[in-house]
Amino acid sequence: MEAAKIPDSLWVYSGDEHVGTLYRTEPLEFDYSAFWLTKEGAFPLHPNLPVAPGRTQTPSSKICFQKEISES
C-alpha cells in the first residue's frame, strides 16, 4: 500500500466561500483568493494576515492554521 502524499497546498473556506490557499512552505504561506479580495465585508483570518493580494509569509500562518494542519 502506498503512503498518502501530503498535499503542497490546501484550499481554505469560510462556509462555502473560498477564502484562499495555504501553501506548505517554510515558513507557511497564505494567499487570499481573488473572490475574497473583492468580497464586500471580507475579513482577515488573523491580525497578521491582512486581506491583500499575494502570498503572505508569516509565523502567524502556522498559528492560524495549526489545527487544520494537524488534521490533514
PDB file of N, CA and C in Angstrom:
ATOM      1  N   MET A   1       0.846  -1.184   0.000  1.00  0.00           N
ATOM      2  CA  MET A   1       0.000   0.000   0.000  1.00  0.00           C
ATOM      3  C   MET A   1       0.886   1.240   0.000  1.00  0.00           C
ATOM      4  N   GLU A   2       0.559   2.166  -0.861  1.00  0.00           N
ATOM      5  CA  GLU A   2       1.325   3.403  -0.993  1.00  0.00           C
ATOM      6  C   GLU A   2       0.926   4.396   0.088  1.00  0.00           C
ATOM      7  N   ALA A   3       1.917   5.048   0.686  1.00  0.00           N
ATOM      8  CA  ALA A   3       1.649   6.054   1.720  1.00  0.00           C
ATOM      9  C   ALA A   3       0.946   7.256   1.107  1.00  0.00           C
ATOM     10  N   ALA A   4       0.064   7.861   1.877  1.00  0.00           N
ATOM     11  CA  ALA A   4      -0.651   9.053   1.408  1.00  0.00           C
ATOM     12  C   ALA A   4       0.326  10.208   1.256  1.00  0.00           C
ATOM     13  N   LYS A   5       0.200  10.931   0.162  1.00  0.00           N
ATOM     14  CA  LYS A   5       1.050  12.089  -0.086  1.00  0.00           C
ATOM     15  C   LYS A   5       0.449  13.310   0.597  1.00  0.00           C
ATOM     16  N   ILE A   6       1.293  14.038   1.288  1.00  0.00           N
ATOM     17  CA  ILE A   6       0.850  15.282   1.915  1.00  0.00           C
ATOM     18  C   ILE A   6       0.730  16.332   0.817  1.00  0.00           C
ATOM     19  N   PRO A   7      -0.428  16.990   0.731  1.00  0.00           N
ATOM     20  CA  PRO A   7      -0.605  17.984  -0.340  1.00  0.00           C
ATOM     21  C   PRO A   7       0.318  19.190  -0.164  1.00  0.00           C
ATOM     22  N   ASP A   8       0.673  19.807  -1.285  1.00  0.00           N
ATOM     23  CA  ASP A   8       1.516  21.006  -1.264  1.00  0.00           C
ATOM     24  C   ASP A   8       0.732  22.259  -0.915  1.00  0.00           C
ATOM     25  N   SER A   9      -0.600  22.169  -1.023  1.00  0.00           N
ATOM     26  CA  SER A   9      -1.434  23.312  -0.687  1.00  0.00           C
ATOM     27  C   SER A   9      -2.808  22.828  -0.240  1.00  0.00           C
ATOM     28  N   LEU A  10      -3.481  23.676   0.523  1.00  0.00           N
ATOM     29  CA  LEU A  10      -4.838  23.399   0.994  1.00  0.00           C
ATOM     30  C   LEU A  10      -5.704  24.612   0.713  1.00  0.00           C
ATOM     31  N   TRP A  11      -6.899  24.377   0.185  1.00  0.00           N
ATOM     32  CA  TRP A  11      -7.846  25.470  -0.002  1.00  0.00           C
ATOM     33  C   TRP A  11      -8.531  25.731   1.324  1.00  0.00           C
ATOM     34  N   VAL A  12      -8.724  26.996   1.644  1.00  0.00           N
ATOM     35  CA  VAL A  12      -9.345  27.404   2.900  1.00  0.00           C
ATOM     36  C   VAL A  12     -10.698  28.045   2.585  1.00  0.00           C
ATOM     37  N   TYR A  13     -11.724  27.594   3.296  1.00  0.00           N
ATOM     38  CA  TYR A  13     -13.078  28.085   3.083  1.00  0.00           C
ATOM     39  C   TYR A  13     -13.661  28.658   4.365  1.00  0.00           C
ATOM     40  N   SER A  14     -14.555  29.608   4.206  1.00  0.00           N
ATOM     41  CA  SER A  14     -15.407  30.093   5.272  1.00  0.00           C
ATOM     42  C   SER A  14     -16.818  29.756   4.811  1.00  0.00           C
ATOM     43  N   GLY A  15     -17.399  28.751   5.418  1.00  0.00           N
ATOM     44  CA  GLY A  15     -18.668  28.239   4.896  1.00  0.00           C
ATOM     45  C   GLY A  15     -18.411  27.646   3.530  1.00  0.00           C
ATOM     46  N   ASP A  16     -19.105  28.130   2.509  1.00  0.00           N
ATOM     47  CA  ASP A  16     -18.877  27.642   1.145  1.00  0.00           C
ATOM     48  C   ASP A  16     -18.106  28.646   0.287  1.00  0.00           C
ATOM     49  N   GLU A  17     -17.494  29.648   0.928  1.00  0.00           N
ATOM     50  CA  GLU A  17     -16.748  30.681   0.197  1.00  0.00           C
ATOM     51  C   GLU A  17     -15.243  30.429   0.274  1.00  0.00           C
ATOM     52  N   HIS A  18     -14.606  30.405  -0.884  1.00  0.00           N
ATOM     53  CA  HIS A  18     -13.165  30.162  -0.957  1.00  0.00           C
ATOM     54  C   HIS A  18     -12.423  31.408  -0.479  1.00  0.00           C
ATOM     55  N   VAL A  19     -11.768  31.279   0.671  1.00  0.00           N
ATOM     56  CA  VAL A  19     -11.044  32.407   1.264  1.00  0.00           C
ATOM     57  C   VAL A  19      -9.643  32.517   0.672  1.00  0.00           C
ATOM     58  N   GLY A  20      -8.974  31.382   0.505  1.00  0.00           N
ATOM     59  CA  GLY A  20      -7.610  31.429  -0.013  1.00  0.00           C
ATOM     60  C   GLY A  20      -6.950  30.073  -0.005  1.00  0.00           C
ATOM     61  N   THR A  21      -5.637  30.086  -0.178  1.00  0.00           N
ATOM     62  CA  THR A  21      -4.853  28.856  -0.263  1.00  0.00           C
ATOM     63  C   THR A  21      -3.680  28.937   0.703  1.00  0.00           C
ATOM     64  N   LEU A  22      -3.501  27.872   1.464  1.00  0.00           N
ATOM     65  CA  LEU A  22      -2.368  27.730   2.377  1.00  0.00           C
ATOM     66  C   LEU A  22      -1.340  26.843   1.690  1.00  0.00           C
ATOM     67  N   TYR A  23      -0.100  27.319   1.614  1.00  0.00           N
ATOM     68  CA  TYR A  23       0.972  26.581   0.932  1.00  0.00           C
ATOM     69  C   TYR A  23       1.927  25.975   1.948  1.00  0.00           C
ATOM     70  N   ARG A  24       2.302  24.720   1.691  1.00  0.00           N
ATOM     71  CA  ARG A  24       3.230  24.006   2.578  1.00  0.00           C
ATOM     72  C   ARG A  24       4.658  24.405   2.222  1.00  0.00           C
ATOM     73  N   THR A  25       5.074  25.531   2.757  1.00  0.00           N
ATOM     74  CA  THR A  25       6.423  26.067   2.586  1.00  0.00           C
ATOM     75  C   THR A  25       6.973  26.326   3.983  1.00  0.00           C
ATOM     76  N   GLU A  26       8.205  26.733   4.068  1.00  0.00           N
ATOM     77  CA  GLU A  26       8.782  27.073   5.367  1.00  0.00           C
ATOM     78  C   GLU A  26       9.317  28.491   5.312  1.00  0.00           C
ATOM     79  N   PRO A  27       8.727  29.486   5.956  1.00  0.00           N
ATOM     80  CA  PRO A  27       7.507  29.345   6.738  1.00  0.00           C
ATOM     81  C   PRO A  27       6.295  29.158   5.821  1.00  0.00           C
ATOM     82  N   LEU A  28       5.173  28.768   6.417  1.00  0.00           N
ATOM     83  CA  LEU A  28       3.940  28.606   5.653  1.00  0.00           C
ATOM     84  C   LEU A  28       3.594  29.912   4.948  1.00  0.00           C
ATOM     85  N   GLU A  29       2.922  29.791   3.808  1.00  0.00           N
ATOM     86  CA  GLU A  29       2.462  30.972   3.069  1.00  0.00           C
ATOM     87  C   GLU A  29       0.959  30.868   2.881  1.00  0.00           C
ATOM     88  N   PHE A  30       0.304  32.008   2.905  1.00  0.00           N
ATOM     89  CA  PHE A  30      -1.139  32.061   2.661  1.00  0.00           C
ATOM     90  C   PHE A  30      -1.416  33.110   1.603  1.00  0.00           C
ATOM     91  N   ASP A  31      -2.348  32.782   0.705  1.00  0.00           N
ATOM     92  CA  ASP A  31      -2.719  33.680  -0.393  1.00  0.00           C
ATOM     93  C   ASP A  31      -4.244  33.772  -0.444  1.00  0.00           C
ATOM     94  N   TYR A  32      -4.793  34.960  -0.213  1.00  0.00           N
ATOM     95  CA  TYR A  32      -6.250  35.139  -0.307  1.00  0.00           C
ATOM     96  C   TYR A  32      -6.701  34.969  -1.751  1.00  0.00           C
ATOM     97  N   SER A  33      -7.871  34.372  -1.941  1.00  0.00           N
ATOM     98  CA  SER A  33      -8.417  34.154  -3.286  1.00  0.00           C
ATOM     99  C   SER A  33      -8.887  35.474  -3.890  1.00  0.00           C
ATOM    100  N   ALA A  34      -8.965  35.503  -5.216  1.00  0.00           N
ATOM    101  CA  ALA A  34      -9.467  36.692  -5.915  1.00  0.00           C
ATOM    102  C   ALA A  34     -10.890  37.002  -5.453  1.00  0.00           C
ATOM    103  N   PHE A  35     -11.677  35.957  -5.223  1.00  0.00           N
ATOM    104  CA  PHE A  35     -13.045  36.147  -4.732  1.00  0.00           C
ATOM    105  C   PHE A  35     -13.029  36.891  -3.396  1.00  0.00           C
ATOM    106  N   TRP A  36     -12.199  36.433  -2.458  1.00  0.00           N
ATOM    107  CA  TRP A  36     -12.165  37.022  -1.115  1.00  0.00           C
ATOM    108  C   TRP A  36     -11.649  38.457  -1.151  1.00  0.00           C
ATOM    109  N   LEU A  37     -10.692  38.711  -2.026  1.00  0.00           N
ATOM    110  CA  LEU A  37     -10.122  40.058  -2.142  1.00  0.00           C
ATOM    111  C   LEU A  37     -11.157  41.083  -2.599  1.00  0.00           C
ATOM    112  N   THR A  38     -12.159  40.642  -3.344  1.00  0.00           N
ATOM    113  CA  THR A  38     -13.169  41.568  -3.865  1.00  0.00           C
ATOM    114  C   THR A  38     -14.502  41.483  -3.117  1.00  0.00           C
ATOM    115  N   LYS A  39     -14.592  40.577  -2.157  1.00  0.00           N
ATOM    116  CA  LYS A  39     -15.837  40.385  -1.412  1.00  0.00           C
ATOM    117  C   LYS A  39     -16.062  41.536  -0.432  1.00  0.00           C
ATOM    118  N   GLU A  40     -17.246  42.114  -0.471  1.00  0.00           N
ATOM    119  CA  GLU A  40     -17.588  43.149   0.493  1.00  0.00           C
ATOM    120  C   GLU A  40     -17.692  42.496   1.873  1.00  0.00           C
ATOM    121  N   GLY A  41     -17.041  43.069   2.846  1.00  0.00           N
ATOM    122  CA  GLY A  41     -17.079  42.522   4.190  1.00  0.00           C
ATOM    123  C   GLY A  41     -16.054  41.431   4.457  1.00  0.00           C
ATOM    124  N   ALA A  42     -15.125  41.231   3.508  1.00  0.00           N
ATOM    125  CA  ALA A  42     -14.070  40.233   3.728  1.00  0.00           C
ATOM    126  C   ALA A  42     -13.258  40.622   4.953  1.00  0.00           C
ATOM    127  N   PHE A  43     -12.888  39.646   5.735  1.00  0.00           N
ATOM    128  CA  PHE A  43     -12.147  39.904   6.962  1.00  0.00           C
ATOM    129  C   PHE A  43     -10.858  39.092   6.968  1.00  0.00           C
ATOM    130  N   PRO A  44      -9.829  39.569   7.664  1.00  0.00           N
ATOM    131  CA  PRO A  44      -8.586  38.796   7.756  1.00  0.00           C
ATOM    132  C   PRO A  44      -8.801  37.586   8.666  1.00  0.00           C
ATOM    133  N   LEU A  45      -8.140  36.488   8.354  1.00  0.00           N
ATOM    134  CA  LEU A  45      -8.245  35.292   9.179  1.00  0.00           C
ATOM    135  C   LEU A  45      -7.449  35.417  10.471  1.00  0.00           C
ATOM    136  N   HIS A  46      -6.515  36.352  10.492  1.00  0.00           N
ATOM    137  CA  HIS A  46      -5.670  36.609  11.667  1.00  0.00           C
ATOM    138  C   HIS A  46      -5.181  38.049  11.542  1.00  0.00           C
ATOM    139  N   PRO A  47      -4.966  38.749  12.650  1.00  0.00           N
ATOM    140  CA  PRO A  47      -4.493  40.138  12.555  1.00  0.00           C
ATOM    141  C   PRO A  47      -3.205  40.295  11.742  1.00  0.00           C
ATOM    142  N   ASN A  48      -2.351  39.269  11.721  1.00  0.00           N
ATOM    143  CA  ASN A  48      -1.099  39.346  10.961  1.00  0.00           C
ATOM    144  C   ASN A  48      -1.213  38.770   9.553  1.00  0.00           C
ATOM    145  N   LEU A  49      -2.437  38.484   9.117  1.00  0.00           N
ATOM    146  CA  LEU A  49      -2.694  38.038   7.738  1.00  0.00           C
ATOM    147  C   LEU A  49      -3.663  39.020   7.092  1.00  0.00           C
ATOM    148  N   PRO A  50      -3.212  40.222   6.782  1.00  0.00           N
ATOM    149  CA  PRO A  50      -4.123  41.233   6.220  1.00  0.00           C
ATOM    150  C   PRO A  50      -4.693  40.785   4.878  1.00  0.00           C
ATOM    151  N   VAL A  51      -5.903  41.210   4.603  1.00  0.00           N
ATOM    152  CA  VAL A  51      -6.539  40.903   3.318  1.00  0.00           C
ATOM    153  C   VAL A  51      -5.840  41.738   2.247  1.00  0.00           C
ATOM    154  N   ALA A  52      -4.955  41.090   1.514  1.00  0.00           N
ATOM    155  CA  ALA A  52      -4.156  41.756   0.483  1.00  0.00           C
ATOM    156  C   ALA A  52      -3.739  40.705  -0.548  1.00  0.00           C
ATOM    157  N   PRO A  53      -3.525  41.137  -1.794  1.00  0.00           N
ATOM    158  CA  PRO A  53      -3.111  40.177  -2.821  1.00  0.00           C
ATOM    159  C   PRO A  53      -1.691  39.667  -2.593  1.00  0.00           C
ATOM    160  N   GLY A  54      -1.432  38.473  -3.075  1.00  0.00           N
ATOM    161  CA  GLY A  54      -0.094  37.890  -2.986  1.00  0.00           C
ATOM    162  C   GLY A  54       0.076  37.005  -1.766  1.00  0.00           C
ATOM    163  N   ARG A  55       1.077  36.163  -1.849  1.00  0.00           N
ATOM    164  CA  ARG A  55       1.366  35.253  -0.739  1.00  0.00           C
ATOM    165  C   ARG A  55       1.959  36.004   0.443  1.00  0.00           C
ATOM    166  N   THR A  56       1.490  35.657   1.626  1.00  0.00           N
ATOM    167  CA  THR A  56       1.994  36.230   2.865  1.00  0.00           C
ATOM    168  C   THR A  56       2.792  35.168   3.595  1.00  0.00           C
ATOM    169  N   GLN A  57       4.045  35.478   3.914  1.00  0.00           N
ATOM    170  CA  GLN A  57       4.894  34.589   4.704  1.00  0.00           C
ATOM    171  C   GLN A  57       4.958  35.146   6.102  1.00  0.00           C
ATOM    172  N   THR A  58       4.449  34.402   7.045  1.00  0.00           N
ATOM    173  CA  THR A  58       4.469  34.861   8.427  1.00  0.00           C
ATOM    174  C   THR A  58       4.288  33.682   9.362  1.00  0.00           C
ATOM    175  N   PRO A  59       4.918  33.704  10.517  1.00  0.00           N
ATOM    176  CA  PRO A  59       4.674  32.649  11.507  1.00  0.00           C
ATOM    177  C   PRO A  59       3.203  32.580  11.908  1.00  0.00           C
ATOM    178  N   SER A  60       2.464  33.669  11.711  1.00  0.00           N
ATOM    179  CA  SER A  60       1.040  33.680  12.052  1.00  0.00           C
ATOM    180  C   SER A  60       0.262  32.674  11.221  1.00  0.00           C
ATOM    181  N   SER A  61       0.741  32.365  10.018  1.00  0.00           N
ATOM    182  CA  SER A  61       0.072  31.363   9.193  1.00  0.00           C
ATOM    183  C   SER A  61       0.028  30.036   9.932  1.00  0.00           C
ATOM    184  N   LYS A  62       1.122  29.659  10.546  1.00  0.00           N
ATOM    185  CA  LYS A  62       1.173  28.392  11.280  1.00  0.00           C
ATOM    186  C   LYS A  62       0.240  28.436  12.480  1.00  0.00           C
ATOM    187  N   ILE A  63       0.244  29.534  13.204  1.00  0.00           N
ATOM    188  CA  ILE A  63      -0.623  29.675  14.376  1.00  0.00           C
ATOM    189  C   ILE A  63      -2.086  29.612  13.951  1.00  0.00           C
ATOM    190  N   CYS A  64      -2.432  30.322  12.906  1.00  0.00           N
ATOM    191  CA  CYS A  64      -3.815  30.407  12.436  1.00  0.00           C
ATOM    192  C   CYS A  64      -4.331  29.055  11.953  1.00  0.00           C
ATOM    193  N   PHE A  65      -3.462  28.265  11.310  1.00  0.00           N
ATOM    194  CA  PHE A  65      -3.891  27.015  10.687  1.00  0.00           C
ATOM    195  C   PHE A  65      -3.379  25.768  11.400  1.00  0.00           C
ATOM    196  N   GLN A  66      -2.863  25.885  12.601  1.00  0.00           N
ATOM    197  CA  GLN A  66      -2.239  24.764  13.297  1.00  0.00           C
ATOM    198  C   GLN A  66      -3.185  23.571  13.421  1.00  0.00           C
ATOM    199  N   LYS A  67      -4.417  23.768  13.793  1.00  0.00           N
ATOM    200  CA  LYS A  67      -5.378  22.668  13.953  1.00  0.00           C
ATOM    201  C   LYS A  67      -5.635  21.992  12.608  1.00  0.00           C
ATOM    202  N   GLU A  68      -5.847  22.780  11.549  1.00  0.00           N
ATOM    203  CA  GLU A  68      -6.133  22.217  10.238  1.00  0.00           C
ATOM    204  C   GLU A  68      -4.932  21.417   9.706  1.00  0.00           C
ATOM    205  N   ILE A  69      -3.732  21.893   9.973  1.00  0.00           N
ATOM    206  CA  ILE A  69      -2.526  21.205   9.505  1.00  0.00           C
ATOM    207  C   ILE A  69      -2.392  19.854  10.201  1.00  0.00           C
ATOM    208  N   SER A  70      -2.654  19.809  11.491  1.00  0.00           N
ATOM    209  CA  SER A  70      -2.510  18.557  12.233  1.00  0.00           C
ATOM    210  C   SER A  70      -3.567  17.533  11.846  1.00  0.00           C
ATOM    211  N   GLU A  71      -4.711  17.981  11.308  1.00  0.00           N
ATOM    212  CA  GLU A  71      -5.775  17.065  10.907  1.00  0.00           C
ATOM    213  C   GLU A  71      -5.630  16.584   9.476  1.00  0.00           C
ATOM    214  N   SER A  72      -4.731  17.186   8.697  1.00  0.00           N
ATOM    215  CA  SER A  72      -4.597  16.778   7.287  1.00  0.00           C
ATOM    216  C   SER A  72      -3.581  15.670   7.121  1.00  0.00           C
TER     217      SER A  72
END
